[in-house]
Amino acid sequence: MDKGKRFNLMLNKAFKDIQGSTARSNDRNRPYDGQPHTDAGIRGATLVKGLTFRDIKDCFVKGALLASCDEELSDLVRDNDWLQDDIYRIDWKNVDPIAVAQNMSVEMERMMGIYPNVPKLITNNDSE
């Protein structure tokens, strides 16, 4: 193997090591070692309870509308006046897919009655 290929392999491995478990996002046994308030952290370890597949689909649609960068669509969700077909009004070129996933998770937590599902913050007051 030439030096260039070997360097690229080593660099790719280093990037995966830096990313931690998120580099292997299809591995169901990866640890929840991300930031606590994300699905890669302790929040992501929460089991989904009491939701139907339709509920989850609704949470996806709401998450997409909220991530759409379209104030009118976001307002429909906030006013609980959205329709499933509103998803077809989204300009997907402007949407961050991870924002859709994060918003969907929050909507699922709301439906399960556990929002906000984050660990209690511990403050460090050094001024005393």
C-alpha atoms as a PDB file:
ATOM      1  CA  MET A   1       0.000   0.000   0.000  1.00  0.00           C
ATOM      2  CA  ASP A   2       1.424   3.384  -0.919  1.00  0.00           C
ATOM      3  CA  LYS A   3       1.992   6.160   1.611  1.00  0.00           C
ATOM      4  CA  GLY A   4      -1.004   8.215   0.418  1.00  0.00           C
ATOM      5  CA  LYS A   5      -3.514   5.386   0.875  1.00  0.00           C
ATOM      6  CA  ARG A   6      -2.016   4.421   4.237  1.00  0.00           C
ATOM      7  CA  PHE A   7      -2.208   8.056   5.387  1.00  0.00           C
ATOM      8  CA  ASN A   8      -5.866   8.328   4.276  1.00  0.00           C
ATOM      9  CA  LEU A   9      -6.771   5.141   6.153  1.00  0.00           C
ATOM     10  CA  MET A  10      -5.046   6.395   9.299  1.00  0.00           C
ATOM     11  CA  LEU A  11      -6.720   9.803   8.982  1.00  0.00           C
ATOM     12  CA  ASN A  12     -10.172   8.240   8.520  1.00  0.00           C
ATOM     13  CA  LYS A  13      -9.607   6.045  11.579  1.00  0.00           C
ATOM     14  CA  ALA A  14      -8.566   9.114  13.598  1.00  0.00           C
ATOM     15  CA  PHE A  15     -11.740  10.954  12.558  1.00  0.00           C
ATOM     16  CA  LYS A  16     -13.868   7.976  13.618  1.00  0.00           C
ATOM     17  CA  ASP A  17     -12.043   7.803  16.948  1.00  0.00           C
ATOM     18  CA  ILE A  18     -12.750  11.500  17.541  1.00  0.00           C
ATOM     19  CA  GLN A  19     -16.452  11.038  16.733  1.00  0.00           C
ATOM     20  CA  GLY A  20     -16.759   8.257  19.306  1.00  0.00           C
ATOM     21  CA  SER A  21     -19.832   6.055  19.144  1.00  0.00           C
ATOM     22  CA  THR A  22     -21.555   8.370  16.683  1.00  0.00           C
ATOM     23  CA  ALA A  23     -19.146   7.146  14.006  1.00  0.00           C
ATOM     24  CA  ARG A  24     -20.889   3.759  14.243  1.00  0.00           C
ATOM     25  CA  SER A  25     -24.423   5.049  14.328  1.00  0.00           C
ATOM     26  CA  ASN A  26     -25.943   1.792  13.067  1.00  0.00           C
ATOM     27  CA  ASP A  27     -24.588  -0.220  16.022  1.00  0.00           C
ATOM     28  CA  ARG A  28     -27.455  -0.697  18.504  1.00  0.00           C
ATOM     29  CA  ASN A  29     -24.984  -1.674  21.236  1.00  0.00           C
ATOM     30  CA  ARG A  30     -23.005   1.573  21.125  1.00  0.00           C
ATOM     31  CA  PRO A  31     -22.819   3.499  24.402  1.00  0.00           C
ATOM     32  CA  TYR A  32     -24.900   6.569  25.201  1.00  0.00           C
ATOM     33  CA  ASP A  33     -21.765   8.628  25.652  1.00  0.00           C
ATOM     34  CA  GLY A  34     -22.791  11.842  23.917  1.00  0.00           C
ATOM     35  CA  GLN A  35     -23.929  15.102  25.443  1.00  0.00           C
ATOM     36  CA  PRO A  36     -26.647  14.307  28.023  1.00  0.00           C
ATOM     37  CA  HIS A  37     -29.355  16.451  26.352  1.00  0.00           C
ATOM     38  CA  THR A  38     -29.006  14.673  22.970  1.00  0.00           C
ATOM     39  CA  ASP A  39     -30.137  11.301  21.674  1.00  0.00           C
ATOM     40  CA  ALA A  40     -26.484  10.212  21.802  1.00  0.00           C
ATOM     41  CA  GLY A  41     -26.460  10.881  25.565  1.00  0.00           C
ATOM     42  CA  ILE A  42     -28.556   9.683  28.494  1.00  0.00           C
ATOM     43  CA  ARG A  43     -31.681  11.219  26.929  1.00  0.00           C
ATOM     44  CA  GLY A  44     -31.336   8.776  24.045  1.00  0.00           C
ATOM     45  CA  ALA A  45     -31.487   5.772  26.366  1.00  0.00           C
ATOM     46  CA  THR A  46     -35.144   6.482  27.201  1.00  0.00           C
ATOM     47  CA  LEU A  47     -37.495   3.762  26.006  1.00  0.00           C
ATOM     48  CA  VAL A  48     -40.477   4.889  23.960  1.00  0.00           C
ATOM     49  CA  LYS A  49     -43.674   3.990  25.816  1.00  0.00           C
ATOM     50  CA  GLY A  50     -47.337   4.487  25.048  1.00  0.00           C
ATOM     51  CA  LEU A  51     -47.008   5.750  21.479  1.00  0.00           C
ATOM     52  CA  THR A  52     -48.491   4.200  18.372  1.00  0.00           C
ATOM     53  CA  PHE A  53     -46.782   4.168  14.994  1.00  0.00           C
ATOM     54  CA  ARG A  54     -49.216   6.903  13.947  1.00  0.00           C
ATOM     55  CA  ASP A  55     -48.164   8.983  16.951  1.00  0.00           C
ATOM     56  CA  ILE A  56     -44.526   8.566  15.933  1.00  0.00           C
ATOM     57  CA  LYS A  57     -45.338   9.548  12.334  1.00  0.00           C
ATOM     58  CA  ASP A  58     -47.143  12.648  13.646  1.00  0.00           C
ATOM     59  CA  CYS A  59     -44.047  13.515  15.699  1.00  0.00           C
ATOM     60  CA  PHE A  60     -41.903  13.150  12.582  1.00  0.00           C
ATOM     61  CA  VAL A  61     -44.168  15.480  10.593  1.00  0.00           C
ATOM     62  CA  LYS A  62     -44.195  18.038  13.415  1.00  0.00           C
ATOM     63  CA  GLY A  63     -40.419  17.759  13.790  1.00  0.00           C
ATOM     64  CA  ALA A  64     -39.958  18.370  10.066  1.00  0.00           C
ATOM     65  CA  LEU A  65     -42.308  21.350  10.056  1.00  0.00           C
ATOM     66  CA  LEU A  66     -40.467  22.879  13.024  1.00  0.00           C
ATOM     67  CA  ALA A  67     -37.086  22.344  11.298  1.00  0.00           C
ATOM     68  CA  SER A  68     -38.308  23.718   7.979  1.00  0.00           C
ATOM     69  CA  CYS A  69     -36.983  27.280   8.442  1.00  0.00           C
ATOM     70  CA  ASP A  70     -40.499  28.378   7.428  1.00  0.00           C
ATOM     71  CA  GLU A  71     -42.146  30.470  10.139  1.00  0.00           C
ATOM     72  CA  GLU A  72     -45.636  29.817   8.781  1.00  0.00           C
ATOM     73  CA  LEU A  73     -45.152  26.038   9.004  1.00  0.00           C
ATOM     74  CA  SER A  74     -43.577  26.298  12.453  1.00  0.00           C
ATOM     75  CA  ASP A  75     -46.496  28.435  13.634  1.00  0.00           C
ATOM     76  CA  LEU A  76     -48.942  25.750  12.462  1.00  0.00           C
ATOM     77  CA  VAL A  77     -47.283  23.300  14.848  1.00  0.00           C
ATOM     78  CA  ARG A  78     -47.143  25.806  17.713  1.00  0.00           C
ATOM     79  CA  ASP A  79     -50.844  26.595  17.191  1.00  0.00           C
ATOM     80  CA  ASN A  80     -51.697  22.866  16.849  1.00  0.00           C
ATOM     81  CA  ASP A  81     -53.241  23.663  13.468  1.00  0.00           C
ATOM     82  CA  TRP A  82     -50.944  21.569  11.251  1.00  0.00           C
ATOM     83  CA  LEU A  83     -52.008  18.919   8.759  1.00  0.00           C
ATOM     84  CA  GLN A  84     -50.075  15.869   7.663  1.00  0.00           C
ATOM     85  CA  ASP A  85     -49.967  17.187   4.095  1.00  0.00           C
ATOM     86  CA  ASP A  86     -48.203  20.359   5.279  1.00  0.00           C
ATOM     87  CA  ILE A  87     -45.018  18.304   5.054  1.00  0.00           C
ATOM     88  CA  TYR A  88     -45.217  18.598   1.255  1.00  0.00           C
ATOM     89  CA  ARG A  89     -44.849  22.382   1.563  1.00  0.00           C
ATOM     90  CA  ILE A  90     -41.335  22.077   2.990  1.00  0.00           C
ATOM     91  CA  ASP A  91     -38.381  23.207   0.895  1.00  0.00           C
ATOM     92  CA  TRP A  92     -36.120  20.319   1.882  1.00  0.00           C
ATOM     93  CA  LYS A  93     -32.981  22.084   0.616  1.00  0.00           C
ATOM     94  CA  ASN A  94     -33.221  24.310   3.707  1.00  0.00           C
ATOM     95  CA  VAL A  95     -33.752  21.535   6.263  1.00  0.00           C
ATOM     96  CA  ASP A  96     -31.153  20.104   8.628  1.00  0.00           C
ATOM     97  CA  PRO A  97     -32.086  16.397   8.935  1.00  0.00           C
ATOM     98  CA  ILE A  98     -30.600  16.169  12.436  1.00  0.00           C
ATOM     99  CA  ALA A  99     -32.850  19.065  13.503  1.00  0.00           C
ATOM    100  CA  VAL A 100     -35.828  17.031  12.244  1.00  0.00           C
ATOM    101  CA  ALA A 101     -34.699  14.075  14.389  1.00  0.00           C
ATOM    102  CA  GLN A 102     -34.154  16.278  17.451  1.00  0.00           C
ATOM    103  CA  ASN A 103     -37.531  17.977  17.055  1.00  0.00           C
ATOM    104  CA  MET A 104     -39.201  14.599  16.540  1.00  0.00           C
ATOM    105  CA  SER A 105     -37.660  13.358  19.804  1.00  0.00           C
ATOM    106  CA  VAL A 106     -38.963  16.393  21.691  1.00  0.00           C
ATOM    107  CA  GLU A 107     -42.456  15.892  20.235  1.00  0.00           C
ATOM    108  CA  MET A 108     -42.351  12.225  21.278  1.00  0.00           C
ATOM    109  CA  GLU A 109     -41.328  13.255  24.803  1.00  0.00           C
ATOM    110  CA  ARG A 110     -44.248  15.701  24.888  1.00  0.00           C
ATOM    111  CA  MET A 111     -46.682  12.948  23.854  1.00  0.00           C
ATOM    112  CA  MET A 112     -45.238  10.619  26.505  1.00  0.00           C
ATOM    113  CA  GLY A 113     -45.539  13.390  29.124  1.00  0.00           C
ATOM    114  CA  ILE A 114     -41.824  13.378  29.989  1.00  0.00           C
ATOM    115  CA  TYR A 115     -40.625  16.593  28.327  1.00  0.00           C
ATOM    116  CA  PRO A 116     -38.069  17.935  29.066  1.00  0.00           C
ATOM    117  CA  ASN A 117     -36.308  14.598  29.421  1.00  0.00           C
ATOM    118  CA  VAL A 118     -32.886  15.900  30.420  1.00  0.00           C
ATOM    119  CA  PRO A 119     -30.784  15.404  33.522  1.00  0.00           C
ATOM    120  CA  LYS A 120     -30.977  18.080  36.185  1.00  0.00           C
ATOM    121  CA  LEU A 121     -28.324  20.709  35.627  1.00  0.00           C
ATOM    122  CA  ILE A 122     -25.748  21.090  38.344  1.00  0.00           C
ATOM    123  CA  THR A 123     -24.405  24.600  38.700  1.00  0.00           C
ATOM    124  CA  ASN A 124     -20.898  25.419  39.730  1.00  0.00           C
ATOM    125  CA  ASN A 125     -20.998  28.724  41.539  1.00  0.00           C
ATOM    126  CA  ASP A 126     -17.357  29.745  41.860  1.00  0.00           C
ATOM    127  CA  SER A 127     -18.240  33.282  42.976  1.00  0.00           C
ATOM    128  CA  GLU A 128     -18.957  32.249  46.550  1.00  0.00           C
END
